[in-house]
Amino acid sequence: MKKFALCLVSFILIFALCSCSKNPAKDTVEGMLSALSACDFEKAKNYVDTQDITNYSEDYIINAFLENMSYEILNVKKDGKNFVVSAKITTINSREFIKKYVQKTMAVLQTNFSKKFTAEELKNIVNEITKDNPQKSENEASILVKAQDGAYKELCNDELLGALFDHYKETYDEIIKEMEQGLVLEN
């Protein structure tokens, strides 16, 4: 009976330890997204496959998107030696942000066309747009995580960048085309 009880306790402990093991791919993605939402670009470098992450601490638009970001890990799938982590990323709605940004800068330019904005003035415009819970968008991204040099690293791609910034560049290009066609930016 003692042997049975000892085996049962051993089995339970082994099962508990195995089920509590961390998922390195999930931890990598959560670490990177958490660092980015805190605008900690130095820490974010620890989780990606490149050290090309520039310190964007002075870029108020990038910081506005990241500071207003939340995320949820949806699932983790093993793909050979790699992992694919699916995440839902919620951030500022880029269409609404860009429209408001253009409207606010254009309003100033209507009264003073030769106005040159200072960085501080543009930062204040961004803060004004984002201060009262800006409209949000959700995007999903599949993030590839690879084992590299004894650690797991995330491979940055356009899908992840699109989710982080709600496809900002594409949206900006669309709005510029609309403006060129004479379409008015509505509130």
Protein backbone atom coordinates (compact mmCIF):
# COMPACT_ATOMS: atom_id res chain seq x y z
CA MET A 1 0.00 0.00 0.00
CA LYS A 2 2.86 2.39 0.83
CA LYS A 3 4.49 1.69 -2.55
CA PHE A 4 1.19 2.41 -4.31
CA ALA A 5 0.75 5.68 -2.40
CA LEU A 6 4.36 6.66 -3.12
CA CYS A 7 3.90 5.89 -6.83
CA LEU A 8 0.64 7.85 -6.90
CA VAL A 9 2.22 10.88 -5.22
CA SER A 10 5.22 10.66 -7.59
CA PHE A 11 2.91 10.48 -10.61
CA ILE A 12 0.91 13.48 -9.38
CA LEU A 13 4.08 15.52 -8.80
CA ILE A 14 5.51 14.65 -12.21
CA PHE A 15 2.20 15.48 -13.91
CA ALA A 16 1.94 18.77 -11.99
CA LEU A 17 5.51 19.78 -12.89
CA CYS A 18 5.02 18.92 -16.57
CA SER A 19 1.72 20.79 -16.81
CA CYS A 20 3.20 23.87 -15.12
CA SER A 21 6.13 24.16 -17.52
CA LYS A 22 6.37 27.51 -19.26
CA ASN A 23 5.77 27.91 -22.96
CA PRO A 24 8.87 29.72 -24.24
CA ALA A 25 7.21 30.89 -27.46
CA LYS A 26 4.25 32.39 -25.60
CA ASP A 27 6.60 33.96 -23.03
CA THR A 28 8.68 35.47 -25.85
CA VAL A 29 5.69 37.08 -27.55
CA GLU A 30 4.19 38.28 -24.26
CA GLY A 31 7.57 39.71 -23.20
CA MET A 32 7.98 41.60 -26.46
CA LEU A 33 4.40 42.93 -26.56
CA SER A 34 4.58 43.91 -22.89
CA ALA A 35 7.87 45.76 -23.46
CA LEU A 36 6.42 47.56 -26.49
CA SER A 37 3.25 48.59 -24.66
CA ALA A 38 5.53 50.17 -22.06
CA CYS A 39 7.59 51.76 -24.89
CA ASP A 40 10.64 49.94 -23.51
CA PHE A 41 12.48 49.43 -26.79
CA GLU A 42 15.69 48.23 -25.14
CA LYS A 43 13.81 45.42 -23.40
CA ALA A 44 11.90 44.58 -26.60
CA LYS A 45 15.24 43.91 -28.35
CA ASN A 46 15.67 40.88 -26.09
CA TYR A 47 12.72 39.15 -27.72
CA VAL A 48 13.26 39.73 -31.44
CA ASP A 49 15.62 38.22 -34.00
CA THR A 50 17.12 41.56 -34.95
CA GLN A 51 18.67 44.37 -33.01
CA ASP A 52 17.28 46.80 -35.58
CA ILE A 53 14.61 48.04 -33.23
CA THR A 54 15.31 51.72 -33.08
CA ASN A 55 14.64 53.59 -29.90
CA TYR A 56 11.38 55.34 -30.78
CA SER A 57 11.01 56.97 -27.37
CA GLU A 58 10.87 60.40 -29.05
CA ASP A 59 8.33 59.35 -31.72
CA TYR A 60 5.07 60.48 -30.16
CA ILE A 61 2.84 58.81 -32.80
CA ILE A 62 4.46 55.38 -32.37
CA ASN A 63 4.36 55.81 -28.60
CA ALA A 64 0.67 56.79 -28.72
CA PHE A 65 -0.20 53.58 -30.56
CA LEU A 66 1.93 51.39 -28.30
CA GLU A 67 0.78 53.01 -25.04
CA ASN A 68 -2.84 52.42 -26.10
CA MET A 69 -2.20 48.80 -27.08
CA SER A 70 -3.48 45.68 -25.40
CA TYR A 71 -3.07 42.11 -26.54
CA GLU A 72 -4.31 38.59 -26.02
CA ILE A 73 -2.45 35.41 -26.94
CA LEU A 74 -4.97 33.26 -28.80
CA ASN A 75 -2.96 30.09 -29.32
CA VAL A 76 0.48 28.60 -29.78
CA LYS A 77 1.20 25.93 -32.38
CA LYS A 78 4.41 24.00 -32.85
CA ASP A 79 5.59 24.07 -36.47
CA GLY A 80 8.61 21.78 -36.74
CA LYS A 81 11.37 23.41 -34.67
CA ASN A 82 9.49 26.71 -34.58
CA PHE A 83 6.30 27.99 -33.03
CA VAL A 84 3.52 30.13 -34.46
CA VAL A 85 1.86 32.31 -31.86
CA SER A 86 -1.48 33.87 -32.77
CA ALA A 87 -2.24 37.11 -30.99
CA LYS A 88 -5.09 39.60 -31.04
CA ILE A 89 -3.75 43.13 -30.78
CA THR A 90 -6.00 46.05 -29.92
CA THR A 91 -4.71 49.55 -30.60
CA ILE A 92 -5.79 52.98 -31.81
CA ASN A 93 -7.94 52.96 -34.94
CA SER A 94 -5.49 54.40 -37.47
CA ARG A 95 -8.17 55.78 -39.81
CA GLU A 96 -9.77 57.82 -37.03
CA PHE A 97 -6.39 58.88 -35.65
CA ILE A 98 -5.06 60.07 -39.02
CA LYS A 99 -8.29 61.90 -39.86
CA LYS A 100 -8.24 63.77 -36.54
CA TYR A 101 -4.52 64.50 -36.87
CA VAL A 102 -4.97 65.93 -40.37
CA GLN A 103 -8.05 67.91 -39.31
CA LYS A 104 -6.28 69.48 -36.35
CA THR A 105 -3.15 70.40 -38.29
CA MET A 106 -5.18 71.70 -41.24
CA ALA A 107 -7.28 73.88 -38.91
CA VAL A 108 -4.09 75.61 -37.77
CA LEU A 109 -2.78 75.93 -41.31
CA GLN A 110 -6.02 77.59 -42.47
CA THR A 111 -5.27 80.53 -40.22
CA ASN A 112 -1.51 80.52 -40.79
CA PHE A 113 -0.51 78.68 -43.97
CA SER A 114 3.20 79.26 -43.48
CA LYS A 115 3.07 77.76 -39.98
CA LYS A 116 5.92 75.41 -39.14
CA PHE A 117 4.91 73.06 -36.36
CA THR A 118 7.37 72.37 -33.58
CA ALA A 119 7.78 68.82 -32.31
CA GLU A 120 6.12 69.89 -29.06
CA GLU A 121 3.06 71.27 -30.90
CA LEU A 122 2.66 68.04 -32.87
CA LYS A 123 3.08 66.01 -29.70
CA ASN A 124 0.33 68.09 -28.08
CA ILE A 125 -1.97 67.34 -31.02
CA VAL A 126 -1.32 63.61 -30.61
CA ASN A 127 -1.94 63.85 -26.87
CA GLU A 128 -5.19 65.72 -27.47
CA ILE A 129 -6.38 63.00 -29.88
CA THR A 130 -5.46 60.13 -27.56
CA LYS A 131 -6.33 61.56 -24.15
CA ASP A 132 -9.99 60.53 -24.04
CA ASN A 133 -10.00 56.83 -24.85
CA PRO A 134 -9.52 56.91 -28.63
CA GLN A 135 -11.46 54.57 -30.90
CA LYS A 136 -9.75 51.16 -31.09
CA SER A 137 -9.31 48.45 -33.71
CA GLU A 138 -8.50 44.79 -33.29
CA ASN A 139 -6.11 42.95 -35.57
CA GLU A 140 -4.77 39.42 -35.41
CA ALA A 141 -1.21 38.44 -36.21
CA SER A 142 0.57 35.12 -36.56
CA ILE A 143 4.00 35.53 -35.05
CA LEU A 144 6.81 33.11 -35.88
CA VAL A 145 9.08 32.26 -32.95
CA LYS A 146 12.39 30.42 -33.51
CA ALA A 147 15.01 29.00 -31.20
CA GLN A 148 18.20 31.03 -31.74
CA ASP A 149 21.42 30.90 -29.76
CA GLY A 150 19.77 29.08 -26.85
CA ALA A 151 16.86 31.52 -26.62
CA TYR A 152 13.57 31.99 -28.39
CA LYS A 153 13.32 34.98 -30.71
CA GLU A 154 10.37 36.47 -32.50
CA LEU A 155 10.63 37.19 -36.19
CA CYS A 156 9.15 40.62 -36.94
CA ASN A 157 7.09 40.82 -40.11
CA ASP A 158 4.64 43.11 -41.87
CA GLU A 159 1.66 41.25 -40.40
CA LEU A 160 2.83 41.98 -36.84
CA LEU A 161 3.66 45.62 -37.64
CA GLY A 162 0.26 46.01 -39.31
CA ALA A 163 -1.47 44.69 -36.20
CA LEU A 164 0.59 46.87 -33.84
CA PHE A 165 -0.20 50.07 -35.74
CA ASP A 166 -3.57 49.14 -37.29
CA HIS A 167 -2.10 49.17 -40.80
CA TYR A 168 -1.14 52.84 -40.40
CA LYS A 169 0.86 53.22 -43.61
CA GLU A 170 -1.83 51.66 -45.82
CA THR A 171 -4.51 53.75 -44.12
CA TYR A 172 -2.44 56.93 -44.47
CA ASP A 173 -1.97 56.23 -48.21
CA GLU A 174 -5.74 55.66 -48.63
CA ILE A 175 -6.60 58.92 -46.88
CA ILE A 176 -4.10 60.88 -49.00
CA LYS A 177 -5.69 59.40 -52.16
CA GLU A 178 -9.13 60.38 -50.89
CA MET A 179 -7.92 63.92 -50.22
CA GLU A 180 -6.39 64.12 -53.71
CA GLN A 181 -9.77 63.07 -55.15
CA GLY A 182 -11.40 65.93 -53.28
CA LEU A 183 -13.13 63.81 -50.67
CA VAL A 184 -13.61 65.71 -47.45
CA LEU A 185 -12.43 64.33 -44.11
CA GLU A 186 -15.53 63.96 -41.99
CA ASN A 187 -15.66 63.95 -38.20
